[in-house]
Amino acid sequence: MWVRRSAIRPVPRFAQVPASVLGGARSKAAQGPEHLERFAAAQPALARHLRQRFEQPLDATALALGQGLAASVFVAFEAAFGERLGVASEDAVSAVELSLSADEALRQSDPMDALDSEDIVGIEQPALVAFVNEQIDETLEQHARSVDVDHVAVVFRTILVQILVLSQAVAPPPGFTSGRGPEPLA
């Protein structure tokens, strides 16, 4: 077990998206806008949050990247967890946004901390964050002269919030136990 200082709630193993679903998620999400519509219907609070972040004046490339990533991340969670993926509340979205902001502040206050908040999310959801980084790198490479990197940073942070919110919305599999014994009686 790795011990680290963070304001980000750990993602249980049962909620980690396996790399095996990411290729299918990308190709499904690329097929059309119906996945964004399904995402909005299935996760209304989270979809509103993403829409608000993407309503900032983002250039067309960053906006397309954000919408594609949002759809791909949702499809990946849907494929990996199906019925176990619950609906995130407004409070859950706000809590994740606050915890990510707190973690960013925590890391800025400690110059010796070698990790960024995105690294912590990457430790919690390694395959998914690697997939997102790959998509961002491809976009930056293909549109190096026309995309605003600050807009891409807004998209990236928004997708990190989506990943954490959906991670926390995954219910444990049937029969799951935490592995802890009964609490001792005082």
N, C-alpha and C. Protein backbone atom coordinates (compact mmCIF):
# COMPACT_ATOMS: atom_id res chain seq x y z
N MET A 1 0.85 -1.18 0.00
CA MET A 1 0.00 0.00 0.00
C MET A 1 0.89 1.24 0.00
N TRP A 2 0.60 2.17 -0.87
CA TRP A 2 1.37 3.40 -0.98
C TRP A 2 0.66 4.46 -0.16
N VAL A 3 1.40 5.11 0.71
CA VAL A 3 0.83 6.16 1.54
C VAL A 3 1.23 7.50 0.94
N ARG A 4 0.25 8.37 0.74
CA ARG A 4 0.52 9.68 0.19
C ARG A 4 -0.40 10.70 0.81
N ARG A 5 0.04 11.92 0.76
CA ARG A 5 -0.74 13.03 1.28
C ARG A 5 -1.56 13.57 0.12
N SER A 6 -2.87 13.57 0.28
CA SER A 6 -3.73 14.04 -0.79
C SER A 6 -5.11 14.37 -0.25
N ALA A 7 -5.76 15.32 -0.91
CA ALA A 7 -7.14 15.66 -0.57
C ALA A 7 -8.11 14.90 -1.46
N ILE A 8 -7.58 14.12 -2.40
CA ILE A 8 -8.41 13.34 -3.32
C ILE A 8 -8.73 11.99 -2.70
N ARG A 9 -10.02 11.68 -2.68
CA ARG A 9 -10.47 10.41 -2.12
C ARG A 9 -9.96 9.24 -2.97
N PRO A 10 -9.42 8.20 -2.36
CA PRO A 10 -8.93 7.05 -3.14
C PRO A 10 -10.06 6.37 -3.92
N VAL A 11 -9.68 5.80 -5.05
CA VAL A 11 -10.62 5.04 -5.88
C VAL A 11 -10.46 3.57 -5.52
N PRO A 12 -11.53 2.90 -5.12
CA PRO A 12 -11.40 1.48 -4.80
C PRO A 12 -11.03 0.67 -6.05
N ARG A 13 -10.34 -0.43 -5.83
CA ARG A 13 -9.93 -1.28 -6.97
C ARG A 13 -11.11 -1.67 -7.84
N PHE A 14 -12.24 -1.93 -7.21
CA PHE A 14 -13.40 -2.38 -7.98
C PHE A 14 -13.95 -1.29 -8.91
N ALA A 15 -13.49 -0.05 -8.75
CA ALA A 15 -13.96 1.06 -9.58
C ALA A 15 -12.91 1.52 -10.60
N GLN A 16 -11.79 0.80 -10.69
CA GLN A 16 -10.77 1.17 -11.67
C GLN A 16 -11.15 0.64 -13.04
N VAL A 17 -11.11 1.52 -14.03
CA VAL A 17 -11.46 1.16 -15.40
C VAL A 17 -10.28 0.37 -16.00
N PRO A 18 -10.54 -0.85 -16.48
CA PRO A 18 -9.45 -1.63 -17.08
C PRO A 18 -9.10 -1.10 -18.48
N ALA A 19 -7.84 -1.22 -18.83
CA ALA A 19 -7.36 -0.75 -20.14
C ALA A 19 -8.09 -1.44 -21.28
N SER A 20 -8.56 -2.65 -21.05
CA SER A 20 -9.20 -3.42 -22.12
C SER A 20 -10.47 -2.77 -22.67
N VAL A 21 -11.13 -1.90 -21.93
CA VAL A 21 -12.36 -1.28 -22.43
C VAL A 21 -12.11 0.03 -23.16
N LEU A 22 -10.89 0.56 -23.09
CA LEU A 22 -10.65 1.90 -23.62
C LEU A 22 -10.66 1.99 -25.14
N GLY A 23 -10.16 0.99 -25.83
CA GLY A 23 -10.20 1.02 -27.30
C GLY A 23 -11.62 1.04 -27.81
N GLY A 24 -12.46 0.21 -27.24
CA GLY A 24 -13.87 0.19 -27.63
C GLY A 24 -14.59 1.47 -27.27
N ALA A 25 -14.24 2.05 -26.14
CA ALA A 25 -14.86 3.31 -25.72
C ALA A 25 -14.53 4.43 -26.69
N ARG A 26 -13.30 4.48 -27.12
CA ARG A 26 -12.88 5.54 -28.06
C ARG A 26 -13.62 5.40 -29.39
N SER A 27 -13.69 4.18 -29.91
CA SER A 27 -14.34 4.01 -31.22
C SER A 27 -15.85 4.23 -31.12
N LYS A 28 -16.47 3.80 -30.02
CA LYS A 28 -17.90 4.04 -29.84
C LYS A 28 -18.20 5.53 -29.73
N ALA A 29 -17.41 6.23 -28.93
CA ALA A 29 -17.64 7.66 -28.72
C ALA A 29 -17.44 8.45 -30.00
N ALA A 30 -16.56 7.97 -30.87
CA ALA A 30 -16.29 8.67 -32.13
C ALA A 30 -17.42 8.50 -33.15
N GLN A 31 -18.34 7.59 -32.89
CA GLN A 31 -19.41 7.30 -33.84
C GLN A 31 -20.47 8.38 -33.89
N GLY A 32 -20.54 9.25 -32.91
CA GLY A 32 -21.54 10.30 -33.00
C GLY A 32 -21.89 10.91 -31.66
N PRO A 33 -22.72 11.96 -31.72
CA PRO A 33 -23.06 12.70 -30.51
C PRO A 33 -24.05 11.99 -29.59
N GLU A 34 -24.60 10.86 -30.00
CA GLU A 34 -25.59 10.19 -29.15
C GLU A 34 -25.00 9.75 -27.81
N HIS A 35 -23.69 9.53 -27.75
CA HIS A 35 -23.08 9.14 -26.47
C HIS A 35 -23.05 10.32 -25.51
N LEU A 36 -22.85 11.53 -26.02
CA LEU A 36 -22.93 12.71 -25.15
C LEU A 36 -24.35 12.92 -24.66
N GLU A 37 -25.32 12.65 -25.51
CA GLU A 37 -26.73 12.78 -25.11
C GLU A 37 -27.07 11.73 -24.06
N ARG A 38 -26.57 10.50 -24.23
CA ARG A 38 -26.80 9.45 -23.24
C ARG A 38 -26.12 9.79 -21.93
N PHE A 39 -24.92 10.35 -22.03
CA PHE A 39 -24.21 10.79 -20.83
C PHE A 39 -25.02 11.85 -20.09
N ALA A 40 -25.54 12.83 -20.81
CA ALA A 40 -26.34 13.90 -20.19
C ALA A 40 -27.59 13.33 -19.53
N ALA A 41 -28.20 12.32 -20.13
CA ALA A 41 -29.40 11.72 -19.56
C ALA A 41 -29.07 10.84 -18.35
N ALA A 42 -27.94 10.13 -18.41
CA ALA A 42 -27.57 9.21 -17.33
C ALA A 42 -26.92 9.90 -16.15
N GLN A 43 -26.21 11.00 -16.41
CA GLN A 43 -25.46 11.71 -15.36
C GLN A 43 -25.75 13.21 -15.46
N PRO A 44 -26.99 13.64 -15.18
CA PRO A 44 -27.36 15.04 -15.41
C PRO A 44 -26.52 16.05 -14.62
N ALA A 45 -26.21 15.80 -13.37
CA ALA A 45 -25.43 16.76 -12.58
C ALA A 45 -24.01 16.89 -13.12
N LEU A 46 -23.41 15.78 -13.44
CA LEU A 46 -22.05 15.80 -13.98
C LEU A 46 -22.03 16.42 -15.37
N ALA A 47 -23.02 16.11 -16.18
CA ALA A 47 -23.10 16.69 -17.53
C ALA A 47 -23.26 18.21 -17.45
N ARG A 48 -24.05 18.70 -16.51
CA ARG A 48 -24.20 20.14 -16.32
C ARG A 48 -22.87 20.79 -15.95
N HIS A 49 -22.15 20.13 -15.06
CA HIS A 49 -20.85 20.64 -14.64
C HIS A 49 -19.90 20.74 -15.84
N LEU A 50 -19.83 19.70 -16.64
CA LEU A 50 -18.96 19.72 -17.81
C LEU A 50 -19.40 20.79 -18.80
N ARG A 51 -20.69 20.90 -19.01
CA ARG A 51 -21.22 21.92 -19.94
C ARG A 51 -20.81 23.31 -19.48
N GLN A 52 -20.91 23.58 -18.19
CA GLN A 52 -20.53 24.89 -17.65
C GLN A 52 -19.04 25.15 -17.88
N ARG A 53 -18.21 24.16 -17.67
CA ARG A 53 -16.78 24.33 -17.88
C ARG A 53 -16.46 24.52 -19.36
N PHE A 54 -17.18 23.81 -20.20
CA PHE A 54 -16.91 23.90 -21.64
C PHE A 54 -17.56 25.13 -22.28
N GLU A 55 -18.44 25.82 -21.54
CA GLU A 55 -19.05 27.06 -22.05
C GLU A 55 -18.08 28.23 -21.98
N GLN A 56 -17.00 28.06 -21.22
CA GLN A 56 -15.97 29.10 -21.21
C GLN A 56 -15.55 29.30 -22.66
N PRO A 57 -15.00 30.44 -22.97
CA PRO A 57 -14.59 30.62 -24.36
C PRO A 57 -13.42 29.69 -24.71
N LEU A 58 -13.76 28.49 -25.17
CA LEU A 58 -12.76 27.51 -25.61
C LEU A 58 -12.68 27.54 -27.12
N ASP A 59 -11.48 27.36 -27.65
CA ASP A 59 -11.38 27.29 -29.10
C ASP A 59 -12.02 25.99 -29.59
N ALA A 60 -12.31 25.93 -30.87
CA ALA A 60 -13.05 24.80 -31.45
C ALA A 60 -12.34 23.47 -31.23
N THR A 61 -11.02 23.46 -31.32
CA THR A 61 -10.26 22.22 -31.15
C THR A 61 -10.35 21.73 -29.71
N ALA A 62 -10.17 22.62 -28.76
CA ALA A 62 -10.25 22.23 -27.34
C ALA A 62 -11.66 21.76 -26.99
N LEU A 63 -12.67 22.44 -27.52
CA LEU A 63 -14.05 22.04 -27.25
C LEU A 63 -14.33 20.66 -27.82
N ALA A 64 -13.90 20.41 -29.05
CA ALA A 64 -14.10 19.09 -29.67
C ALA A 64 -13.36 18.02 -28.87
N LEU A 65 -12.16 18.33 -28.43
CA LEU A 65 -11.39 17.40 -27.60
C LEU A 65 -12.15 17.09 -26.32
N GLY A 66 -12.64 18.13 -25.65
CA GLY A 66 -13.37 17.95 -24.40
C GLY A 66 -14.62 17.10 -24.58
N GLN A 67 -15.38 17.37 -25.62
CA GLN A 67 -16.60 16.59 -25.85
C GLN A 67 -16.27 15.14 -26.18
N GLY A 68 -15.23 14.94 -26.98
CA GLY A 68 -14.82 13.57 -27.31
C GLY A 68 -14.33 12.81 -26.09
N LEU A 69 -13.53 13.47 -25.27
CA LEU A 69 -13.04 12.81 -24.06
C LEU A 69 -14.17 12.53 -23.08
N ALA A 70 -15.08 13.49 -22.91
CA ALA A 70 -16.22 13.28 -22.00
C ALA A 70 -17.04 12.07 -22.43
N ALA A 71 -17.29 11.96 -23.73
CA ALA A 71 -18.05 10.81 -24.24
C ALA A 71 -17.27 9.52 -24.05
N SER A 72 -15.97 9.53 -24.36
CA SER A 72 -15.15 8.33 -24.22
C SER A 72 -15.05 7.86 -22.78
N VAL A 73 -14.87 8.79 -21.86
CA VAL A 73 -14.77 8.44 -20.43
C VAL A 73 -16.09 7.83 -19.96
N PHE A 74 -17.20 8.45 -20.33
CA PHE A 74 -18.50 7.91 -19.94
C PHE A 74 -18.71 6.51 -20.51
N VAL A 75 -18.42 6.33 -21.80
CA VAL A 75 -18.60 5.02 -22.44
C VAL A 75 -17.70 3.98 -21.77
N ALA A 76 -16.49 4.36 -21.39
CA ALA A 76 -15.58 3.43 -20.71
C ALA A 76 -16.16 2.97 -19.37
N PHE A 77 -16.67 3.91 -18.59
CA PHE A 77 -17.29 3.55 -17.30
C PHE A 77 -18.52 2.68 -17.52
N GLU A 78 -19.32 3.05 -18.49
CA GLU A 78 -20.53 2.29 -18.80
C GLU A 78 -20.17 0.86 -19.22
N ALA A 79 -19.15 0.72 -20.07
CA ALA A 79 -18.74 -0.61 -20.54
C ALA A 79 -18.14 -1.43 -19.40
N ALA A 80 -17.37 -0.79 -18.56
CA ALA A 80 -16.69 -1.51 -17.48
C ALA A 80 -17.62 -1.91 -16.35
N PHE A 81 -18.62 -1.07 -16.05
CA PHE A 81 -19.40 -1.29 -14.83
C PHE A 81 -20.89 -1.47 -15.03
N GLY A 82 -21.42 -1.12 -16.18
CA GLY A 82 -22.84 -1.33 -16.46
C GLY A 82 -23.75 -0.82 -15.36
N GLU A 83 -24.56 -1.69 -14.83
CA GLU A 83 -25.56 -1.34 -13.82
C GLU A 83 -24.94 -0.87 -12.50
N ARG A 84 -23.67 -1.19 -12.29
CA ARG A 84 -23.02 -0.76 -11.04
C ARG A 84 -22.66 0.72 -11.05
N LEU A 85 -22.76 1.36 -12.21
CA LEU A 85 -22.47 2.79 -12.29
C LEU A 85 -23.70 3.56 -11.86
N GLY A 86 -23.61 4.18 -10.70
CA GLY A 86 -24.72 4.95 -10.17
C GLY A 86 -24.76 6.36 -10.75
N VAL A 87 -25.76 7.11 -10.34
CA VAL A 87 -25.92 8.49 -10.80
C VAL A 87 -25.29 9.41 -9.76
N ALA A 88 -24.38 10.26 -10.22
CA ALA A 88 -23.71 11.21 -9.33
C ALA A 88 -24.62 12.40 -9.05
N SER A 89 -24.63 12.83 -7.81
CA SER A 89 -25.44 13.97 -7.41
C SER A 89 -24.66 15.27 -7.60
N GLU A 90 -25.38 16.39 -7.48
CA GLU A 90 -24.74 17.72 -7.50
C GLU A 90 -23.72 17.81 -6.38
N ASP A 91 -24.09 17.28 -5.20
CA ASP A 91 -23.18 17.31 -4.05
C ASP A 91 -21.91 16.51 -4.33
N ALA A 92 -22.04 15.36 -4.98
CA ALA A 92 -20.86 14.55 -5.31
C ALA A 92 -19.93 15.30 -6.26
N VAL A 93 -20.51 15.96 -7.26
CA VAL A 93 -19.71 16.73 -8.22
C VAL A 93 -19.01 17.88 -7.50
N SER A 94 -19.73 18.59 -6.65
CA SER A 94 -19.14 19.70 -5.89
C SER A 94 -18.03 19.22 -4.97
N ALA A 95 -18.25 18.09 -4.32
CA ALA A 95 -17.25 17.54 -3.40
C ALA A 95 -15.96 17.18 -4.14
N VAL A 96 -16.09 16.59 -5.31
CA VAL A 96 -14.91 16.24 -6.09
C VAL A 96 -14.19 17.51 -6.56
N GLU A 97 -14.96 18.48 -7.04
CA GLU A 97 -14.36 19.74 -7.49
C GLU A 97 -13.58 20.39 -6.34
N LEU A 98 -14.18 20.40 -5.15
CA LEU A 98 -13.51 20.98 -3.98
C LEU A 98 -12.28 20.17 -3.57
N SER A 99 -12.37 18.86 -3.61
CA SER A 99 -11.22 18.04 -3.21
C SER A 99 -10.07 18.19 -4.20
N LEU A 100 -10.37 18.32 -5.48
CA LEU A 100 -9.32 18.52 -6.47
C LEU A 100 -8.67 19.89 -6.27
N SER A 101 -9.47 20.91 -6.01
CA SER A 101 -8.92 22.25 -5.74
C SER A 101 -8.08 22.23 -4.47
N ALA A 102 -8.54 21.55 -3.44
CA ALA A 102 -7.78 21.46 -2.19
C ALA A 102 -6.46 20.72 -2.41
N ASP A 103 -6.50 19.67 -3.21
CA ASP A 103 -5.29 18.92 -3.49
C ASP A 103 -4.29 19.77 -4.27
N GLU A 104 -4.79 20.54 -5.23
CA GLU A 104 -3.91 21.44 -5.99
C GLU A 104 -3.26 22.46 -5.06
N ALA A 105 -4.03 23.02 -4.13
CA ALA A 105 -3.48 23.99 -3.18
C ALA A 105 -2.47 23.33 -2.25
N LEU A 106 -2.75 22.12 -1.82
CA LEU A 106 -1.84 21.37 -0.96
C LEU A 106 -0.50 21.16 -1.65
N ARG A 107 -0.52 20.82 -2.90
CA ARG A 107 0.71 20.55 -3.66
C ARG A 107 1.48 21.84 -3.96
N GLN A 108 0.75 22.94 -4.16
CA GLN A 108 1.43 24.22 -4.40
C GLN A 108 2.13 24.71 -3.15
N SER A 109 1.60 24.35 -2.00
CA SER A 109 2.18 24.83 -0.74
C SER A 109 3.42 24.04 -0.33
N ASP A 110 3.67 22.91 -0.97
CA ASP A 110 4.82 22.08 -0.62
C ASP A 110 5.73 21.94 -1.84
N PRO A 111 6.78 22.76 -1.92
CA PRO A 111 7.66 22.70 -3.09
C PRO A 111 8.42 21.39 -3.21
N MET A 112 8.47 20.61 -2.17
CA MET A 112 9.17 19.32 -2.21
C MET A 112 8.29 18.19 -2.74
N ASP A 113 7.01 18.44 -2.88
CA ASP A 113 6.09 17.41 -3.38
C ASP A 113 6.30 17.27 -4.88
N ALA A 114 6.74 16.11 -5.30
CA ALA A 114 7.06 15.88 -6.71
C ALA A 114 5.84 15.54 -7.55
N LEU A 115 4.72 15.29 -6.92
CA LEU A 115 3.53 14.89 -7.67
C LEU A 115 2.57 16.06 -7.85
N ASP A 116 1.90 16.07 -9.00
CA ASP A 116 0.80 17.00 -9.24
C ASP A 116 -0.50 16.26 -8.96
N SER A 117 -1.58 17.00 -8.86
CA SER A 117 -2.88 16.38 -8.63
C SER A 117 -3.23 15.40 -9.75
N GLU A 118 -2.86 15.76 -10.98
CA GLU A 118 -3.14 14.85 -12.10
C GLU A 118 -2.40 13.53 -11.93
N ASP A 119 -1.21 13.55 -11.29
CA ASP A 119 -0.48 12.32 -11.02
C ASP A 119 -1.24 11.44 -10.02
N ILE A 120 -1.86 12.09 -9.03
CA ILE A 120 -2.64 11.35 -8.04
C ILE A 120 -3.84 10.68 -8.72
N VAL A 121 -4.53 11.42 -9.58
CA VAL A 121 -5.65 10.83 -10.31
C VAL A 121 -5.15 9.69 -11.20
N GLY A 122 -3.96 9.86 -11.78
CA GLY A 122 -3.36 8.81 -12.59
C GLY A 122 -3.03 7.56 -11.80
N ILE A 123 -2.65 7.72 -10.55
CA ILE A 123 -2.40 6.57 -9.70
C ILE A 123 -3.72 5.85 -9.39
N GLU A 124 -4.78 6.62 -9.22
CA GLU A 124 -6.10 6.06 -8.89
C GLU A 124 -6.78 5.41 -10.10
N GLN A 125 -6.61 5.98 -11.28
CA GLN A 125 -7.22 5.46 -12.52
C GLN A 125 -6.15 5.44 -13.62
N PRO A 126 -5.15 4.55 -13.50
CA PRO A 126 -4.00 4.60 -14.40
C PRO A 126 -4.32 4.44 -15.89
N ALA A 127 -5.11 3.47 -16.25
CA ALA A 127 -5.40 3.24 -17.67
C ALA A 127 -6.19 4.40 -18.26
N LEU A 128 -7.13 4.89 -17.51
CA LEU A 128 -8.00 5.97 -18.00
C LEU A 128 -7.23 7.28 -18.17
N VAL A 129 -6.41 7.64 -17.20
CA VAL A 129 -5.64 8.88 -17.30
C VAL A 129 -4.59 8.76 -18.41
N ALA A 130 -4.00 7.58 -18.58
CA ALA A 130 -3.06 7.38 -19.69
C ALA A 130 -3.77 7.56 -21.03
N PHE A 131 -4.98 7.04 -21.15
CA PHE A 131 -5.78 7.20 -22.37
C PHE A 131 -6.06 8.69 -22.62
N VAL A 132 -6.48 9.42 -21.61
CA VAL A 132 -6.78 10.84 -21.75
C VAL A 132 -5.53 11.61 -22.16
N ASN A 133 -4.40 11.32 -21.51
CA ASN A 133 -3.15 11.98 -21.87
C ASN A 133 -2.75 11.69 -23.32
N GLU A 134 -2.96 10.47 -23.75
CA GLU A 134 -2.65 10.10 -25.14
C GLU A 134 -3.50 10.91 -26.12
N GLN A 135 -4.79 11.05 -25.82
CA GLN A 135 -5.68 11.82 -26.70
C GLN A 135 -5.29 13.29 -26.73
N ILE A 136 -4.92 13.82 -25.58
CA ILE A 136 -4.50 15.22 -25.51
C ILE A 136 -3.20 15.42 -26.29
N ASP A 137 -2.25 14.52 -26.10
CA ASP A 137 -0.98 14.63 -26.82
C ASP A 137 -1.19 14.58 -28.33
N GLU A 138 -2.06 13.67 -28.79
CA GLU A 138 -2.36 13.59 -30.23
C GLU A 138 -2.97 14.89 -30.74
N THR A 139 -3.89 15.45 -29.98
CA THR A 139 -4.53 16.70 -30.38
C THR A 139 -3.52 17.83 -30.44
N LEU A 140 -2.68 17.94 -29.43
CA LEU A 140 -1.68 19.00 -29.40
C LEU A 140 -0.69 18.86 -30.55
N GLU A 141 -0.35 17.63 -30.88
CA GLU A 141 0.58 17.38 -31.99
C GLU A 141 -0.05 17.75 -33.33
N GLN A 142 -1.31 17.36 -33.53
CA GLN A 142 -1.99 17.61 -34.80
C GLN A 142 -2.38 19.07 -34.99
N HIS A 143 -2.63 19.78 -33.91
CA HIS A 143 -3.12 21.16 -33.99
C HIS A 143 -2.20 22.12 -33.24
N ALA A 144 -0.92 21.88 -33.31
CA ALA A 144 0.05 22.65 -32.53
C ALA A 144 -0.05 24.15 -32.76
N ARG A 145 -0.36 24.56 -33.95
CA ARG A 145 -0.38 25.99 -34.26
C ARG A 145 -1.73 26.65 -34.01
N SER A 146 -2.77 25.84 -33.89
CA SER A 146 -4.10 26.45 -33.80
C SER A 146 -4.80 26.28 -32.46
N VAL A 147 -4.33 25.38 -31.61
CA VAL A 147 -5.02 25.13 -30.35
C VAL A 147 -4.38 25.95 -29.23
N ASP A 148 -5.22 26.46 -28.36
CA ASP A 148 -4.76 27.22 -27.20
C ASP A 148 -4.51 26.22 -26.06
N VAL A 149 -3.26 26.11 -25.62
CA VAL A 149 -2.93 25.11 -24.60
C VAL A 149 -3.61 25.41 -23.26
N ASP A 150 -3.91 26.67 -22.99
CA ASP A 150 -4.65 26.99 -21.77
C ASP A 150 -6.07 26.42 -21.84
N HIS A 151 -6.66 26.42 -23.02
CA HIS A 151 -7.99 25.84 -23.20
C HIS A 151 -7.93 24.33 -23.02
N VAL A 152 -6.87 23.72 -23.52
CA VAL A 152 -6.70 22.27 -23.34
C VAL A 152 -6.52 21.95 -21.85
N ALA A 153 -5.85 22.81 -21.12
CA ALA A 153 -5.68 22.61 -19.68
C ALA A 153 -7.03 22.64 -18.96
N VAL A 154 -7.93 23.53 -19.38
CA VAL A 154 -9.28 23.58 -18.81
C VAL A 154 -10.01 22.27 -19.09
N VAL A 155 -9.89 21.78 -20.31
CA VAL A 155 -10.53 20.52 -20.69
C VAL A 155 -9.96 19.38 -19.84
N PHE A 156 -8.64 19.32 -19.71
CA PHE A 156 -8.00 18.24 -18.97
C PHE A 156 -8.47 18.22 -17.51
N ARG A 157 -8.49 19.36 -16.87
CA ARG A 157 -8.92 19.41 -15.47
C ARG A 157 -10.39 19.01 -15.34
N THR A 158 -11.21 19.43 -16.28
CA THR A 158 -12.63 19.07 -16.27
C THR A 158 -12.80 17.57 -16.41
N ILE A 159 -12.02 16.95 -17.27
CA ILE A 159 -12.10 15.49 -17.46
C ILE A 159 -11.59 14.77 -16.21
N LEU A 160 -10.60 15.33 -15.52
CA LEU A 160 -10.15 14.72 -14.25
C LEU A 160 -11.30 14.70 -13.24
N VAL A 161 -12.06 15.79 -13.18
CA VAL A 161 -13.23 15.83 -12.29
C VAL A 161 -14.22 14.75 -12.71
N GLN A 162 -14.49 14.63 -13.99
CA GLN A 162 -15.42 13.60 -14.48
C GLN A 162 -14.94 12.21 -14.06
N ILE A 163 -13.67 11.93 -14.24
CA ILE A 163 -13.12 10.61 -13.89
C ILE A 163 -13.32 10.33 -12.40
N LEU A 164 -13.02 11.30 -11.56
CA LEU A 164 -13.17 11.09 -10.12
C LEU A 164 -14.62 10.93 -9.70
N VAL A 165 -15.49 11.75 -10.28
CA VAL A 165 -16.93 11.64 -9.94
C VAL A 165 -17.46 10.28 -10.34
N LEU A 166 -17.18 9.85 -11.56
CA LEU A 166 -17.68 8.55 -12.02
C LEU A 166 -17.05 7.40 -11.23
N SER A 167 -15.79 7.55 -10.84
CA SER A 167 -15.13 6.52 -10.03
C SER A 167 -15.86 6.32 -8.70
N GLN A 168 -16.29 7.43 -8.12
CA GLN A 168 -16.98 7.36 -6.84
C GLN A 168 -18.43 6.90 -6.99
N ALA A 169 -18.95 6.94 -8.21
CA ALA A 169 -20.33 6.52 -8.45
C ALA A 169 -20.45 5.02 -8.70
N VAL A 170 -19.33 4.31 -8.77
CA VAL A 170 -19.35 2.87 -9.02
C VAL A 170 -19.65 2.13 -7.71
N ALA A 171 -20.68 1.30 -7.74
CA ALA A 171 -21.04 0.49 -6.58
C ALA A 171 -20.16 -0.76 -6.54
N PRO A 172 -19.90 -1.27 -5.35
CA PRO A 172 -19.10 -2.50 -5.26
C PRO A 172 -19.83 -3.67 -5.93
N PRO A 173 -19.07 -4.65 -6.40
CA PRO A 173 -19.70 -5.82 -6.99
C PRO A 173 -20.45 -6.62 -5.93
N PRO A 174 -21.43 -7.42 -6.35
CA PRO A 174 -22.17 -8.23 -5.37
C PRO A 174 -21.22 -9.10 -4.55
N GLY A 175 -21.47 -9.13 -3.27
CA GLY A 175 -20.67 -9.94 -2.36
C GLY A 175 -19.34 -9.32 -1.98
N PHE A 176 -19.08 -8.10 -2.40
CA PHE A 176 -17.82 -7.44 -2.08
C PHE A 176 -17.74 -7.14 -0.60
N THR A 177 -16.58 -7.44 -0.03
CA THR A 177 -16.30 -7.04 1.35
C THR A 177 -15.00 -6.25 1.33
N SER A 178 -14.86 -5.35 2.24
CA SER A 178 -13.69 -4.50 2.28
C SER A 178 -12.44 -5.24 2.74
N GLY A 179 -12.61 -6.44 3.25
CA GLY A 179 -11.47 -7.20 3.74
C GLY A 179 -11.13 -6.89 5.18
N ARG A 180 -11.82 -5.96 5.75
CA ARG A 180 -11.60 -5.61 7.16
C ARG A 180 -12.45 -6.52 8.02
N GLY A 181 -11.92 -6.85 9.15
CA GLY A 181 -12.69 -7.64 10.10
C GLY A 181 -13.69 -6.76 10.82
N PRO A 182 -14.46 -7.32 11.72
CA PRO A 182 -15.40 -6.50 12.47
C PRO A 182 -14.66 -5.46 13.32
N GLU A 183 -15.31 -4.37 13.54
CA GLU A 183 -14.73 -3.29 14.36
C GLU A 183 -14.61 -3.79 15.79
N PRO A 184 -13.47 -3.49 16.43
CA PRO A 184 -13.34 -3.93 17.84
C PRO A 184 -14.30 -3.16 18.73
N LEU A 185 -14.80 -3.84 19.73
CA LEU A 185 -15.67 -3.21 20.69
C LEU A 185 -14.84 -2.56 21.77
N ALA A 186 -15.26 -1.39 22.22
CA ALA A 186 -14.51 -0.68 23.25
C ALA A 186 -14.85 -1.18 24.62
